[in-house]
Amino acid sequence: MIVSIKGFIEYRRREYCNDIGCPVQIMMNKKDQDTEDYNDLREICKENCLHTTYEFHHWLIGKGYFLVRPEKIGGN
C-alpha cells in the first residue's frame, strides 16, 4: 500500500536517469514503449546499469528525497 504524505511528492519513474542524462535513458526516450528496441534498452538498465546505487542514493539526498516505512509491517 502506497500512502502519500501531504506536502511531499513521490519519486517519478526514471526521474534520476533523465536528470543525470543517462545515455541509455536518452535512447529509450526516443523509442516507443513496448517495442523490441525499447525493451532491449530496458534490459541494459535492469541488468547492467551504468550507475551505482551509491550514486542514486546521493542523488536522492541532494534532491531532498527520503525513504519512509511504517514502524510495523505485518506481524513485525
Protein backbone atom coordinates (compact mmCIF):
# COMPACT_ATOMS: atom_id res chain seq x y z
CA MET A 1 0.00 0.00 0.00
CA ILE A 2 1.43 3.37 -1.04
CA VAL A 3 0.45 6.29 1.14
CA SER A 4 1.06 9.86 0.07
CA ILE A 5 2.37 12.27 2.67
CA LYS A 6 0.73 15.68 2.48
CA GLY A 7 3.10 18.33 1.21
CA PHE A 8 5.51 15.82 -0.36
CA ILE A 9 5.90 14.39 -3.86
CA GLU A 10 6.81 10.84 -4.76
CA TYR A 11 9.79 9.89 -6.89
CA ARG A 12 8.76 9.61 -10.53
CA ARG A 13 9.85 6.58 -12.54
CA ARG A 14 13.26 7.16 -14.16
CA GLU A 15 13.48 10.69 -12.75
CA TYR A 16 17.12 10.05 -11.79
CA CYS A 17 18.01 8.62 -15.19
CA ASN A 18 16.52 11.59 -17.01
CA ASP A 19 18.00 14.16 -14.64
CA ILE A 20 21.57 12.89 -14.99
CA GLY A 21 21.23 12.46 -18.74
CA CYS A 22 21.88 8.72 -18.79
CA PRO A 23 22.72 7.83 -22.42
CA VAL A 24 20.63 4.65 -22.28
CA GLN A 25 17.65 6.62 -20.96
CA ILE A 26 18.10 9.24 -23.68
CA MET A 27 17.89 6.48 -26.30
CA MET A 28 14.85 4.95 -24.54
CA ASN A 29 13.09 8.32 -24.61
CA LYS A 30 13.31 8.27 -28.41
CA LYS A 31 11.64 4.84 -28.69
CA ASP A 32 8.03 3.81 -28.35
CA GLN A 33 7.40 1.81 -25.19
CA ASP A 34 6.86 -1.92 -25.58
CA THR A 35 8.82 -2.12 -28.82
CA GLU A 36 11.71 -4.54 -29.27
CA ASP A 37 14.26 -1.69 -29.36
CA TYR A 38 12.83 -0.15 -26.19
CA ASN A 39 12.78 -3.48 -24.36
CA ASP A 40 16.39 -4.22 -25.39
CA LEU A 41 17.47 -0.90 -23.89
CA ARG A 42 15.39 -1.58 -20.78
CA GLU A 43 17.31 -4.83 -20.29
CA ILE A 44 20.56 -2.84 -20.22
CA CYS A 45 19.10 -0.77 -17.39
CA LYS A 46 17.85 -3.80 -15.49
CA GLU A 47 20.96 -5.95 -15.84
CA ASN A 48 23.89 -3.57 -16.46
CA CYS A 49 23.02 -0.10 -15.20
CA LEU A 50 25.80 2.39 -15.87
CA HIS A 51 25.38 3.93 -12.41
CA THR A 52 25.58 2.63 -8.86
CA THR A 53 23.11 2.58 -6.01
CA TYR A 54 25.60 4.82 -4.18
CA GLU A 55 25.23 7.46 -6.93
CA PHE A 56 21.44 7.09 -6.91
CA HIS A 57 21.28 7.33 -3.11
CA HIS A 58 23.33 10.53 -3.07
CA TRP A 59 21.25 11.99 -5.90
CA LEU A 60 18.11 11.30 -3.84
CA ILE A 61 19.61 13.07 -0.82
CA GLY A 62 20.71 16.02 -2.96
CA LYS A 63 17.18 16.37 -4.33
CA GLY A 64 15.66 16.25 -0.84
CA TYR A 65 14.08 12.80 -1.09
CA PHE A 66 13.90 10.44 1.84
CA LEU A 67 12.59 6.93 2.34
CA VAL A 68 9.94 6.11 4.88
CA ARG A 69 8.20 2.94 6.02
CA PRO A 70 5.68 2.11 8.71
CA GLU A 71 7.10 1.18 12.12
CA LYS A 72 5.32 -2.17 11.93
CA ILE A 73 4.89 -4.28 8.84
CA GLY A 74 2.51 -7.22 9.04
CA GLY A 75 3.36 -9.26 12.14
CA ASN A 76 6.60 -7.41 12.96
